[in-house]
Amino acid sequence: MAIEKFETKPVNLMEMVDKEFLSSDILADGEERIYTIEGIREEELVNEKNNTKDTKPVVYFKETDKKLALNIVNIQTLRNIYKET
């Protein structure tokens, strides 16, 4: 059996992150950011791990075009901040 050789090149993993959504890499510089919630609406998003569609709440902000898809931890955090029961 022959071993196939292939060329490799450096990959910038952060370039592969979805540019449409906020991610922790924007906080890596340590600069504080304050965003104002403009609205929240449900959107159908594709789960790239298993290629299924999920409906999730998505937050829109006034200060950026980037969105934040909410998971259960983010939802609970927002509920605690705004004292929602």
N, C-alpha and C. Protein backbone atom coordinates (compact mmCIF):
# COMPACT_ATOMS: atom_id res chain seq x y z
N MET A 1 0.85 -1.18 0.00
CA MET A 1 0.00 0.00 0.00
C MET A 1 0.89 1.24 0.00
N ALA A 2 0.61 2.14 -0.90
CA ALA A 2 1.39 3.38 -1.01
C ALA A 2 0.79 4.45 -0.13
N ILE A 3 1.64 5.26 0.44
CA ILE A 3 1.20 6.39 1.25
C ILE A 3 1.14 7.61 0.34
N GLU A 4 -0.02 8.21 0.29
CA GLU A 4 -0.20 9.40 -0.55
C GLU A 4 0.35 10.62 0.17
N LYS A 5 1.14 11.39 -0.54
CA LYS A 5 1.66 12.63 0.01
C LYS A 5 0.85 13.79 -0.54
N PHE A 6 0.64 14.79 0.27
CA PHE A 6 -0.06 15.98 -0.18
C PHE A 6 0.58 17.20 0.44
N GLU A 7 0.42 18.30 -0.24
CA GLU A 7 0.98 19.56 0.26
C GLU A 7 0.11 20.12 1.36
N THR A 8 0.74 20.69 2.35
CA THR A 8 -0.01 21.35 3.41
C THR A 8 0.29 22.84 3.38
N LYS A 9 -0.64 23.60 3.88
CA LYS A 9 -0.43 25.04 3.99
C LYS A 9 -1.03 25.50 5.30
N PRO A 10 -0.51 26.58 5.86
CA PRO A 10 -1.06 27.08 7.12
C PRO A 10 -2.51 27.51 6.96
N VAL A 11 -3.29 27.26 7.99
CA VAL A 11 -4.70 27.62 7.97
C VAL A 11 -4.97 28.55 9.14
N ASN A 12 -5.65 29.65 8.86
CA ASN A 12 -6.10 30.55 9.91
C ASN A 12 -7.50 30.12 10.30
N LEU A 13 -7.62 29.44 11.43
CA LEU A 13 -8.92 28.90 11.84
C LEU A 13 -9.95 29.99 12.06
N MET A 14 -9.53 31.16 12.51
CA MET A 14 -10.50 32.23 12.77
C MET A 14 -11.14 32.73 11.48
N GLU A 15 -10.47 32.53 10.34
CA GLU A 15 -11.09 32.90 9.06
C GLU A 15 -12.23 31.96 8.71
N MET A 16 -12.26 30.81 9.35
CA MET A 16 -13.28 29.82 9.07
C MET A 16 -14.53 30.02 9.93
N VAL A 17 -14.43 30.88 10.93
CA VAL A 17 -15.56 31.14 11.82
C VAL A 17 -16.60 31.99 11.07
N ASP A 18 -17.84 31.70 11.33
CA ASP A 18 -18.92 32.42 10.68
C ASP A 18 -18.83 33.92 10.99
N LYS A 19 -18.66 34.72 9.98
CA LYS A 19 -18.50 36.17 10.16
C LYS A 19 -19.81 36.88 10.49
N GLU A 20 -20.91 36.17 10.34
CA GLU A 20 -22.22 36.76 10.55
C GLU A 20 -22.58 36.88 12.03
N PHE A 21 -21.92 36.05 12.87
CA PHE A 21 -22.26 35.97 14.28
C PHE A 21 -21.11 36.42 15.17
N LEU A 22 -21.45 36.94 16.33
CA LEU A 22 -20.44 37.29 17.33
C LEU A 22 -19.78 36.02 17.84
N SER A 23 -18.50 36.13 18.14
CA SER A 23 -17.79 35.00 18.74
C SER A 23 -16.77 35.54 19.74
N SER A 24 -16.26 34.67 20.56
CA SER A 24 -15.35 35.10 21.62
C SER A 24 -14.05 35.68 21.10
N ASP A 25 -13.67 35.41 19.85
CA ASP A 25 -12.41 35.93 19.33
C ASP A 25 -12.39 37.45 19.27
N ILE A 26 -13.56 38.09 19.19
CA ILE A 26 -13.55 39.56 19.15
C ILE A 26 -13.20 40.16 20.50
N LEU A 27 -13.28 39.35 21.56
CA LEU A 27 -12.94 39.82 22.90
C LEU A 27 -11.49 39.52 23.26
N ALA A 28 -10.79 38.86 22.38
CA ALA A 28 -9.43 38.41 22.68
C ALA A 28 -8.47 39.56 22.95
N ASP A 29 -8.76 40.74 22.41
CA ASP A 29 -7.86 41.87 22.62
C ASP A 29 -8.03 42.51 23.99
N GLY A 30 -9.02 42.06 24.76
CA GLY A 30 -9.23 42.57 26.11
C GLY A 30 -10.01 43.87 26.18
N GLU A 31 -10.35 44.43 25.03
CA GLU A 31 -11.10 45.70 25.01
C GLU A 31 -12.55 45.45 25.40
N GLU A 32 -13.07 46.28 26.28
CA GLU A 32 -14.46 46.15 26.70
C GLU A 32 -15.37 46.66 25.61
N ARG A 33 -16.45 45.93 25.39
CA ARG A 33 -17.44 46.34 24.39
C ARG A 33 -18.82 46.34 25.05
N ILE A 34 -19.60 47.33 24.72
CA ILE A 34 -20.97 47.41 25.22
C ILE A 34 -21.89 47.46 24.01
N TYR A 35 -22.81 46.52 23.97
CA TYR A 35 -23.77 46.46 22.87
C TYR A 35 -25.18 46.67 23.41
N THR A 36 -26.00 47.36 22.64
CA THR A 36 -27.38 47.61 22.99
C THR A 36 -28.26 46.66 22.17
N ILE A 37 -29.10 45.90 22.86
CA ILE A 37 -29.99 44.98 22.14
C ILE A 37 -31.02 45.79 21.38
N GLU A 38 -31.06 45.55 20.08
CA GLU A 38 -32.04 46.22 19.23
C GLU A 38 -33.30 45.36 19.10
N GLY A 39 -33.12 44.06 19.12
CA GLY A 39 -34.27 43.17 19.02
C GLY A 39 -33.83 41.71 19.07
N ILE A 40 -34.82 40.85 19.29
CA ILE A 40 -34.59 39.41 19.30
C ILE A 40 -35.69 38.78 18.46
N ARG A 41 -35.28 37.88 17.56
CA ARG A 41 -36.29 37.16 16.79
C ARG A 41 -35.82 35.73 16.53
N GLU A 42 -36.77 34.85 16.28
CA GLU A 42 -36.43 33.47 15.99
C GLU A 42 -36.00 33.35 14.54
N GLU A 43 -34.93 32.56 14.33
CA GLU A 43 -34.44 32.30 12.98
C GLU A 43 -34.13 30.83 12.84
N GLU A 44 -34.27 30.35 11.63
CA GLU A 44 -33.89 28.97 11.34
C GLU A 44 -32.41 28.96 10.98
N LEU A 45 -31.62 28.22 11.76
CA LEU A 45 -30.18 28.15 11.56
C LEU A 45 -29.79 26.72 11.23
N VAL A 46 -28.74 26.57 10.43
CA VAL A 46 -28.26 25.23 10.06
C VAL A 46 -27.19 24.81 11.06
N ASN A 47 -27.38 23.65 11.66
CA ASN A 47 -26.39 23.05 12.54
C ASN A 47 -25.40 22.31 11.66
N GLU A 48 -24.19 22.86 11.56
CA GLU A 48 -23.20 22.29 10.64
C GLU A 48 -22.65 20.96 11.12
N LYS A 49 -22.80 20.63 12.40
CA LYS A 49 -22.30 19.36 12.91
C LYS A 49 -23.08 18.18 12.34
N ASN A 50 -24.40 18.33 12.26
CA ASN A 50 -25.21 17.22 11.77
C ASN A 50 -26.12 17.62 10.60
N ASN A 51 -25.89 18.78 10.03
CA ASN A 51 -26.60 19.29 8.85
C ASN A 51 -28.12 19.31 9.04
N THR A 52 -28.55 19.69 10.25
CA THR A 52 -29.98 19.84 10.51
C THR A 52 -30.29 21.31 10.72
N LYS A 53 -31.57 21.63 10.64
CA LYS A 53 -32.01 23.01 10.86
C LYS A 53 -32.64 23.12 12.24
N ASP A 54 -32.26 24.18 12.95
CA ASP A 54 -32.80 24.45 14.28
C ASP A 54 -33.36 25.87 14.29
N THR A 55 -34.44 26.07 15.01
CA THR A 55 -34.97 27.41 15.21
C THR A 55 -34.45 27.90 16.55
N LYS A 56 -33.77 29.04 16.52
CA LYS A 56 -33.16 29.60 17.74
C LYS A 56 -33.45 31.09 17.81
N PRO A 57 -33.50 31.63 19.03
CA PRO A 57 -33.59 33.08 19.16
C PRO A 57 -32.25 33.70 18.78
N VAL A 58 -32.32 34.79 18.04
CA VAL A 58 -31.12 35.51 17.58
C VAL A 58 -31.24 36.96 18.00
N VAL A 59 -30.17 37.47 18.64
CA VAL A 59 -30.15 38.86 19.12
C VAL A 59 -29.50 39.75 18.08
N TYR A 60 -30.11 40.91 17.86
CA TYR A 60 -29.55 41.95 16.99
C TYR A 60 -29.15 43.13 17.85
N PHE A 61 -28.04 43.75 17.50
CA PHE A 61 -27.51 44.87 18.27
C PHE A 61 -27.47 46.14 17.44
N LYS A 62 -27.55 47.28 18.09
CA LYS A 62 -27.48 48.57 17.40
C LYS A 62 -26.08 48.88 16.90
N GLU A 63 -25.05 48.44 17.64
CA GLU A 63 -23.68 48.87 17.36
C GLU A 63 -22.94 48.00 16.35
N THR A 64 -23.52 46.89 15.93
CA THR A 64 -22.82 45.99 15.01
C THR A 64 -23.82 45.24 14.14
N ASP A 65 -23.36 44.80 12.98
CA ASP A 65 -24.18 43.97 12.11
C ASP A 65 -24.14 42.51 12.53
N LYS A 66 -23.19 42.16 13.40
CA LYS A 66 -23.08 40.78 13.85
C LYS A 66 -24.22 40.44 14.80
N LYS A 67 -24.67 39.19 14.71
CA LYS A 67 -25.78 38.72 15.52
C LYS A 67 -25.25 37.75 16.57
N LEU A 68 -26.11 37.41 17.53
CA LEU A 68 -25.77 36.42 18.55
C LEU A 68 -26.89 35.40 18.62
N ALA A 69 -26.59 34.16 18.22
CA ALA A 69 -27.56 33.07 18.35
C ALA A 69 -27.54 32.62 19.81
N LEU A 70 -28.71 32.59 20.42
CA LEU A 70 -28.78 32.28 21.84
C LEU A 70 -28.86 30.78 22.09
N ASN A 71 -28.04 30.33 23.04
CA ASN A 71 -28.17 28.97 23.55
C ASN A 71 -28.79 29.09 24.95
N ILE A 72 -28.98 27.97 25.60
CA ILE A 72 -29.67 27.99 26.90
C ILE A 72 -28.93 28.82 27.95
N VAL A 73 -27.60 28.79 27.93
CA VAL A 73 -26.82 29.58 28.89
C VAL A 73 -27.02 31.07 28.65
N ASN A 74 -26.97 31.50 27.39
CA ASN A 74 -27.18 32.92 27.07
C ASN A 74 -28.59 33.36 27.42
N ILE A 75 -29.56 32.49 27.17
CA ILE A 75 -30.95 32.82 27.50
C ILE A 75 -31.11 33.01 29.00
N GLN A 76 -30.55 32.09 29.79
CA GLN A 76 -30.64 32.20 31.25
C GLN A 76 -29.93 33.45 31.75
N THR A 77 -28.81 33.80 31.15
CA THR A 77 -28.08 35.02 31.54
C THR A 77 -28.93 36.25 31.28
N LEU A 78 -29.54 36.33 30.11
CA LEU A 78 -30.40 37.48 29.79
C LEU A 78 -31.60 37.54 30.74
N ARG A 79 -32.16 36.40 31.04
CA ARG A 79 -33.30 36.37 31.96
C ARG A 79 -32.89 36.89 33.34
N ASN A 80 -31.69 36.51 33.79
CA ASN A 80 -31.21 36.98 35.09
C ASN A 80 -30.93 38.47 35.07
N ILE A 81 -30.36 38.96 34.00
CA ILE A 81 -30.08 40.40 33.90
C ILE A 81 -31.37 41.20 33.94
N TYR A 82 -32.37 40.76 33.22
CA TYR A 82 -33.62 41.50 33.13
C TYR A 82 -34.68 41.01 34.10
N LYS A 83 -34.28 40.11 35.02
CA LYS A 83 -35.16 39.61 36.10
C LYS A 83 -36.43 38.98 35.57
N GLU A 84 -36.36 38.34 34.40
CA GLU A 84 -37.52 37.64 33.85
C GLU A 84 -37.66 36.30 34.53
N THR A 85 -38.88 35.89 34.79
CA THR A 85 -39.11 34.59 35.43
C THR A 85 -39.67 33.60 34.44
